[in-house]
């Protein structure tokens, strides 16, 4: 696959949108935290397992606020 940004061979995939990116563009775009799992802990509090430095393309715009998903019953 080729890098979405510069067209060179890619080294990874953006965790947020799936675009391929090379290592140079990944260094320029930086990383973002990514939630792998949500669960209730032993005290019934919401908890999450998070990767601090997930690969990010710099092109997509992950939403900061959660959205409501309807009709999934």
PDB file of N, CA and C in Angstrom:
ATOM      1  N   UNK A   1       0.831  -1.177   0.000  1.00  0.00           N
ATOM      2  CA  UNK A   1       0.000   0.000   0.000  1.00  0.00           C
ATOM      3  C   UNK A   1       0.878   1.243   0.000  1.00  0.00           C
ATOM      4  N   UNK A   2       0.345   2.328  -0.494  1.00  0.00           N
ATOM      5  CA  UNK A   2       1.073   3.591  -0.513  1.00  0.00           C
ATOM      6  C   UNK A   2       0.550   4.536   0.559  1.00  0.00           C
ATOM      7  N   UNK A   3       1.442   5.416   1.010  1.00  0.00           N
ATOM      8  CA  UNK A   3       1.089   6.407   2.024  1.00  0.00           C
ATOM      9  C   UNK A   3       0.019   7.348   1.472  1.00  0.00           C
ATOM     10  N   UNK A   4      -1.014   7.584   2.266  1.00  0.00           N
ATOM     11  CA  UNK A   4      -2.101   8.474   1.873  1.00  0.00           C
ATOM     12  C   UNK A   4      -1.609   9.900   1.672  1.00  0.00           C
ATOM     13  N   UNK A   5      -0.606  10.311   2.436  1.00  0.00           N
ATOM     14  CA  UNK A   5      -0.136  11.695   2.424  1.00  0.00           C
ATOM     15  C   UNK A   5       0.870  11.950   1.305  1.00  0.00           C
ATOM     16  N   UNK A   6       1.914  11.097   1.191  1.00  0.00           N
ATOM     17  CA  UNK A   6       3.000  11.389   0.250  1.00  0.00           C
ATOM     18  C   UNK A   6       3.145  10.399  -0.899  1.00  0.00           C
ATOM     19  N   UNK A   7       2.506   9.247  -0.841  1.00  0.00           N
ATOM     20  CA  UNK A   7       2.547   8.293  -1.927  1.00  0.00           C
ATOM     21  C   UNK A   7       3.680   7.276  -1.863  1.00  0.00           C
ATOM     22  N   UNK A   8       4.560   7.371  -0.879  1.00  0.00           N
ATOM     23  CA  UNK A   8       5.630   6.377  -0.732  1.00  0.00           C
ATOM     24  C   UNK A   8       5.065   5.112  -0.097  1.00  0.00           C
ATOM     25  N   UNK A   9       5.834   4.016  -0.100  1.00  0.00           N
ATOM     26  CA  UNK A   9       5.343   2.789   0.544  1.00  0.00           C
ATOM     27  C   UNK A   9       5.009   3.034   2.023  1.00  0.00           C
ATOM     28  N   UNK A  10       3.903   2.485   2.470  1.00  0.00           N
ATOM     29  CA  UNK A  10       3.453   2.731   3.846  1.00  0.00           C
ATOM     30  C   UNK A  10       4.105   1.753   4.820  1.00  0.00           C
ATOM     31  N   UNK A  11       4.146   2.161   6.079  1.00  0.00           N
ATOM     32  CA  UNK A  11       4.678   1.335   7.150  1.00  0.00           C
ATOM     33  C   UNK A  11       3.632   1.020   8.206  1.00  0.00           C
ATOM     34  N   UNK A  12       2.481   1.659   8.147  1.00  0.00           N
ATOM     35  CA  UNK A  12       1.444   1.441   9.149  1.00  0.00           C
ATOM     36  C   UNK A  12       0.101   1.975   8.703  1.00  0.00           C
ATOM     37  N   UNK A  13      -0.884   1.729   9.532  1.00  0.00           N
ATOM     38  CA  UNK A  13      -2.265   2.126   9.255  1.00  0.00           C
ATOM     39  C   UNK A  13      -2.779   2.984  10.405  1.00  0.00           C
ATOM     40  N   UNK A  14      -3.446   4.090  10.085  1.00  0.00           N
ATOM     41  CA  UNK A  14      -4.052   4.944  11.105  1.00  0.00           C
ATOM     42  C   UNK A  14      -5.102   4.141  11.868  1.00  0.00           C
ATOM     43  N   UNK A  15      -5.006   4.143  13.169  1.00  0.00           N
ATOM     44  CA  UNK A  15      -5.933   3.388  14.007  1.00  0.00           C
ATOM     45  C   UNK A  15      -7.337   3.978  13.987  1.00  0.00           C
ATOM     46  N   UNK A  16      -7.465   5.216  13.598  1.00  0.00           N
ATOM     47  CA  UNK A  16      -8.753   5.917  13.649  1.00  0.00           C
ATOM     48  C   UNK A  16      -9.541   5.840  12.345  1.00  0.00           C
ATOM     49  N   UNK A  17      -8.853   5.837  11.198  1.00  0.00           N
ATOM     50  CA  UNK A  17      -9.587   5.841   9.925  1.00  0.00           C
ATOM     51  C   UNK A  17      -9.160   4.748   8.959  1.00  0.00           C
ATOM     52  N   UNK A  18      -7.995   4.137   9.167  1.00  0.00           N
ATOM     53  CA  UNK A  18      -7.547   3.055   8.295  1.00  0.00           C
ATOM     54  C   UNK A  18      -6.680   3.495   7.127  1.00  0.00           C
ATOM     55  N   UNK A  19      -6.333   4.776   7.035  1.00  0.00           N
ATOM     56  CA  UNK A  19      -5.459   5.231   5.964  1.00  0.00           C
ATOM     57  C   UNK A  19      -4.043   4.721   6.199  1.00  0.00           C
ATOM     58  N   UNK A  20      -3.370   4.322   5.109  1.00  0.00           N
ATOM     59  CA  UNK A  20      -1.981   3.877   5.197  1.00  0.00           C
ATOM     60  C   UNK A  20      -1.064   5.092   5.276  1.00  0.00           C
ATOM     61  N   UNK A  21      -0.005   5.003   6.107  1.00  0.00           N
ATOM     62  CA  UNK A  21       0.958   6.099   6.211  1.00  0.00           C
ATOM     63  C   UNK A  21       2.373   5.546   6.357  1.00  0.00           C
ATOM     64  N   UNK A  22       3.338   6.302   5.838  1.00  0.00           N
ATOM     65  CA  UNK A  22       4.743   5.910   5.943  1.00  0.00           C
ATOM     66  C   UNK A  22       5.297   6.390   7.286  1.00  0.00           C
ATOM     67  N   UNK A  23       6.494   5.942   7.625  1.00  0.00           N
ATOM     68  CA  UNK A  23       7.057   6.292   8.928  1.00  0.00           C
ATOM     69  C   UNK A  23       7.364   7.784   9.043  1.00  0.00           C
ATOM     70  N   UNK A  24       7.798   8.431   7.944  1.00  0.00           N
ATOM     71  CA  UNK A  24       8.079   9.874   8.006  1.00  0.00           C
ATOM     72  C   UNK A  24       6.813  10.687   8.250  1.00  0.00           C
ATOM     73  N   UNK A  25       5.734  10.357   7.560  1.00  0.00           N
ATOM     74  CA  UNK A  25       4.467  11.075   7.749  1.00  0.00           C
ATOM     75  C   UNK A  25       3.871  10.777   9.119  1.00  0.00           C
ATOM     76  N   UNK A  26       4.092   9.561   9.630  1.00  0.00           N
ATOM     77  CA  UNK A  26       3.602   9.216  10.966  1.00  0.00           C
ATOM     78  C   UNK A  26       4.321  10.047  12.024  1.00  0.00           C
ATOM     79  N   UNK A  27       5.610  10.281  11.843  1.00  0.00           N
ATOM     80  CA  UNK A  27       6.358  11.116  12.789  1.00  0.00           C
ATOM     81  C   UNK A  27       5.843  12.547  12.766  1.00  0.00           C
ATOM     82  N   UNK A  28       5.503  13.041  11.583  1.00  0.00           N
ATOM     83  CA  UNK A  28       4.994  14.411  11.458  1.00  0.00           C
ATOM     84  C   UNK A  28       3.585  14.533  12.027  1.00  0.00           C
ATOM     85  N   UNK A  29       2.758  13.509  11.845  1.00  0.00           N
ATOM     86  CA  UNK A  29       1.360  13.553  12.290  1.00  0.00           C
ATOM     87  C   UNK A  29       1.218  13.262  13.776  1.00  0.00           C
ATOM     88  N   UNK A  30       2.202  12.606  14.371  1.00  0.00           N
ATOM     89  CA  UNK A  30       2.201  12.259  15.792  1.00  0.00           C
ATOM     90  C   UNK A  30       1.283  11.074  16.092  1.00  0.00           C
ATOM     91  N   UNK A  31       0.957  10.923  17.353  1.00  0.00           N
ATOM     92  CA  UNK A  31       0.106   9.823  17.794  1.00  0.00           C
ATOM     93  C   UNK A  31      -1.010  10.379  18.677  1.00  0.00           C
ATOM     94  N   UNK A  32      -2.000   9.523  18.949  1.00  0.00           N
ATOM     95  CA  UNK A  32      -3.117   9.893  19.813  1.00  0.00           C
ATOM     96  C   UNK A  32      -3.457   8.705  20.700  1.00  0.00           C
ATOM     97  N   UNK A  33      -4.061   8.949  21.862  1.00  0.00           N
ATOM     98  CA  UNK A  33      -4.523   7.825  22.676  1.00  0.00           C
ATOM     99  C   UNK A  33      -5.743   7.157  22.025  1.00  0.00           C
ATOM    100  N   UNK A  34      -5.838   5.831  22.167  1.00  0.00           N
ATOM    101  CA  UNK A  34      -6.926   5.065  21.574  1.00  0.00           C
ATOM    102  C   UNK A  34      -7.485   4.106  22.609  1.00  0.00           C
ATOM    103  N   UNK A  35      -8.803   4.090  22.780  1.00  0.00           N
ATOM    104  CA  UNK A  35      -9.457   3.193  23.738  1.00  0.00           C
ATOM    105  C   UNK A  35      -9.610   1.816  23.107  1.00  0.00           C
ATOM    106  N   UNK A  36      -9.009   0.816  23.746  1.00  0.00           N
ATOM    107  CA  UNK A  36      -9.119  -0.564  23.264  1.00  0.00           C
ATOM    108  C   UNK A  36     -10.347  -1.270  23.813  1.00  0.00           C
ATOM    109  N   UNK A  37     -10.672  -0.996  25.080  1.00  0.00           N
ATOM    110  CA  UNK A  37     -11.801  -1.683  25.710  1.00  0.00           C
ATOM    111  C   UNK A  37     -12.385  -0.835  26.832  1.00  0.00           C
ATOM    112  N   UNK A  38     -13.685  -0.951  27.020  1.00  0.00           N
ATOM    113  CA  UNK A  38     -14.398  -0.313  28.133  1.00  0.00           C
ATOM    114  C   UNK A  38     -15.032  -1.414  28.973  1.00  0.00           C
ATOM    115  N   UNK A  39     -15.029  -1.227  30.294  1.00  0.00           N
ATOM    116  CA  UNK A  39     -15.606  -2.232  31.173  1.00  0.00           C
ATOM    117  C   UNK A  39     -15.919  -1.618  32.533  1.00  0.00           C
ATOM    118  N   UNK A  40     -16.637  -2.349  33.358  1.00  0.00           N
ATOM    119  CA  UNK A  40     -16.900  -1.959  34.746  1.00  0.00           C
ATOM    120  C   UNK A  40     -15.867  -2.678  35.607  1.00  0.00           C
ATOM    121  N   UNK A  41     -15.182  -1.936  36.480  1.00  0.00           N
ATOM    122  CA  UNK A  41     -14.208  -2.573  37.358  1.00  0.00           C
ATOM    123  C   UNK A  41     -14.901  -3.178  38.577  1.00  0.00           C
ATOM    124  N   UNK A  42     -14.128  -3.688  39.527  1.00  0.00           N
ATOM    125  CA  UNK A  42     -14.713  -4.369  40.685  1.00  0.00           C
ATOM    126  C   UNK A  42     -15.531  -3.444  41.574  1.00  0.00           C
ATOM    127  N   UNK A  43     -15.312  -2.121  41.493  1.00  0.00           N
ATOM    128  CA  UNK A  43     -16.112  -1.153  42.246  1.00  0.00           C
ATOM    129  C   UNK A  43     -17.279  -0.610  41.414  1.00  0.00           C
ATOM    130  N   UNK A  44     -17.579  -1.275  40.279  1.00  0.00           N
ATOM    131  CA  UNK A  44     -18.657  -0.870  39.371  1.00  0.00           C
ATOM    132  C   UNK A  44     -18.439   0.515  38.777  1.00  0.00           C
ATOM    133  N   UNK A  45     -17.182   0.917  38.630  1.00  0.00           N
ATOM    134  CA  UNK A  45     -16.856   2.179  37.963  1.00  0.00           C
ATOM    135  C   UNK A  45     -16.517   1.889  36.508  1.00  0.00           C
ATOM    136  N   UNK A  46     -16.828   2.836  35.620  1.00  0.00           N
ATOM    137  CA  UNK A  46     -16.424   2.678  34.233  1.00  0.00           C
ATOM    138  C   UNK A  46     -14.912   2.810  34.138  1.00  0.00           C
ATOM    139  N   UNK A  47     -14.286   1.898  33.412  1.00  0.00           N
ATOM    140  CA  UNK A  47     -12.834   1.911  33.253  1.00  0.00           C
ATOM    141  C   UNK A  47     -12.511   1.608  31.794  1.00  0.00           C
ATOM    142  N   UNK A  48     -11.292   1.928  31.388  1.00  0.00           N
ATOM    143  CA  UNK A  48     -10.889   1.705  30.000  1.00  0.00           C
ATOM    144  C   UNK A  48      -9.444   1.240  29.939  1.00  0.00           C
ATOM    145  N   UNK A  49      -9.158   0.413  28.932  1.00  0.00           N
ATOM    146  CA  UNK A  49      -7.786   0.060  28.596  1.00  0.00           C
ATOM    147  C   UNK A  49      -7.426   0.928  27.398  1.00  0.00           C
ATOM    148  N   UNK A  50      -6.371   1.745  27.539  1.00  0.00           N
ATOM    149  CA  UNK A  50      -6.039   2.748  26.533  1.00  0.00           C
ATOM    150  C   UNK A  50      -4.598   2.568  26.051  1.00  0.00           C
ATOM    151  N   UNK A  51      -4.392   2.688  24.741  1.00  0.00           N
ATOM    152  CA  UNK A  51      -3.052   2.745  24.165  1.00  0.00           C
ATOM    153  C   UNK A  51      -2.731   4.219  23.999  1.00  0.00           C
ATOM    154  N   UNK A  52      -1.642   4.676  24.613  1.00  0.00           N
ATOM    155  CA  UNK A  52      -1.312   6.101  24.610  1.00  0.00           C
ATOM    156  C   UNK A  52      -0.825   6.620  23.266  1.00  0.00           C
ATOM    157  N   UNK A  53      -0.144   5.788  22.481  1.00  0.00           N
ATOM    158  CA  UNK A  53       0.512   6.283  21.269  1.00  0.00           C
ATOM    159  C   UNK A  53       0.078   5.530  20.008  1.00  0.00           C
ATOM    160  N   UNK A  54      -1.231   5.445  19.796  1.00  0.00           N
ATOM    161  CA  UNK A  54      -1.749   4.786  18.599  1.00  0.00           C
ATOM    162  C   UNK A  54      -1.397   5.605  17.356  1.00  0.00           C
ATOM    163  N   UNK A  55      -1.070   4.925  16.285  1.00  0.00           N
ATOM    164  CA  UNK A  55      -0.686   5.581  15.038  1.00  0.00           C
ATOM    165  C   UNK A  55      -1.832   6.434  14.499  1.00  0.00           C
ATOM    166  N   UNK A  56      -1.539   7.672  14.147  1.00  0.00           N
ATOM    167  CA  UNK A  56      -2.542   8.639  13.683  1.00  0.00           C
ATOM    168  C   UNK A  56      -2.032   9.303  12.399  1.00  0.00           C
ATOM    169  N   UNK A  57      -2.864   9.360  11.377  1.00  0.00           N
ATOM    170  CA  UNK A  57      -2.450   9.873  10.063  1.00  0.00           C
ATOM    171  C   UNK A  57      -2.320  11.394  10.006  1.00  0.00           C
ATOM    172  N   UNK A  58      -3.041  12.102  10.852  1.00  0.00           N
ATOM    173  CA  UNK A  58      -3.013  13.559  10.802  1.00  0.00           C
ATOM    174  C   UNK A  58      -4.031  14.142   9.836  1.00  0.00           C
ATOM    175  N   UNK A  59      -4.700  13.295   9.063  1.00  0.00           N
ATOM    176  CA  UNK A  59      -5.694  13.745   8.086  1.00  0.00           C
ATOM    177  C   UNK A  59      -7.108  13.651   8.667  1.00  0.00           C
ATOM    178  N   UNK A  60      -7.407  12.523   9.283  1.00  0.00           N
ATOM    179  CA  UNK A  60      -8.766  12.334   9.813  1.00  0.00           C
ATOM    180  C   UNK A  60      -8.962  13.162  11.082  1.00  0.00           C
ATOM    181  N   UNK A  61     -10.211  13.315  11.466  1.00  0.00           N
ATOM    182  CA  UNK A  61     -10.548  14.105  12.646  1.00  0.00           C
ATOM    183  C   UNK A  61     -11.432  13.286  13.586  1.00  0.00           C
ATOM    184  N   UNK A  62     -10.804  12.454  14.457  1.00  0.00           N
ATOM    185  CA  UNK A  62     -11.621  11.695  15.409  1.00  0.00           C
ATOM    186  C   UNK A  62     -12.441  12.639  16.286  1.00  0.00           C
ATOM    187  N   UNK A  63     -13.691  12.284  16.536  1.00  0.00           N
ATOM    188  CA  UNK A  63     -14.572  13.132  17.337  1.00  0.00           C
ATOM    189  C   UNK A  63     -14.142  13.134  18.796  1.00  0.00           C
ATOM    190  N   UNK A  64     -14.247  14.294  19.422  1.00  0.00           N
ATOM    191  CA  UNK A  64     -13.909  14.407  20.835  1.00  0.00           C
ATOM    192  C   UNK A  64     -15.055  13.972  21.730  1.00  0.00           C
ATOM    193  N   UNK A  65     -16.282  14.124  21.266  1.00  0.00           N
ATOM    194  CA  UNK A  65     -17.459  13.771  22.050  1.00  0.00           C
ATOM    195  C   UNK A  65     -18.085  12.496  21.499  1.00  0.00           C
ATOM    196  N   UNK A  66     -18.645  11.707  22.385  1.00  0.00           N
ATOM    197  CA  UNK A  66     -19.335  10.476  21.978  1.00  0.00           C
ATOM    198  C   UNK A  66     -20.612  10.835  21.217  1.00  0.00           C
ATOM    199  N   UNK A  67     -21.020   9.952  20.316  1.00  0.00           N
ATOM    200  CA  UNK A  67     -22.283  10.136  19.606  1.00  0.00           C
ATOM    201  C   UNK A  67     -23.252   9.025  20.021  1.00  0.00           C
ATOM    202  N   UNK A  68     -24.519   9.318  19.983  1.00  0.00           N
ATOM    203  CA  UNK A  68     -25.551   8.351  20.332  1.00  0.00           C
ATOM    204  C   UNK A  68     -25.842   7.490  19.115  1.00  0.00           C
ATOM    205  N   UNK A  69     -25.828   6.179  19.318  1.00  0.00           N
ATOM    206  CA  UNK A  69     -26.133   5.235  18.242  1.00  0.00           C
ATOM    207  C   UNK A  69     -27.549   4.699  18.460  1.00  0.00           C
ATOM    208  N   UNK A  70     -28.422   4.981  17.534  1.00  0.00           N
ATOM    209  CA  UNK A  70     -29.817   4.575  17.667  1.00  0.00           C
ATOM    210  C   UNK A  70     -30.096   3.309  16.859  1.00  0.00           C
ATOM    211  N   UNK A  71     -31.151   2.628  17.206  1.00  0.00           N
ATOM    212  CA  UNK A  71     -31.640   1.470  16.468  1.00  0.00           C
ATOM    213  C   UNK A  71     -30.647   0.319  16.407  1.00  0.00           C
ATOM    214  N   UNK A  72     -29.947   0.056  17.507  1.00  0.00           N
ATOM    215  CA  UNK A  72     -29.023  -1.065  17.544  1.00  0.00           C
ATOM    216  C   UNK A  72     -29.560  -2.241  18.361  1.00  0.00           C
ATOM    217  N   UNK A  73     -30.798  -2.149  18.794  1.00  0.00           N
ATOM    218  CA  UNK A  73     -31.355  -3.238  19.596  1.00  0.00           C
ATOM    219  C   UNK A  73     -31.511  -4.482  18.785  1.00  0.00           C
TER     220      UNK A  73
END
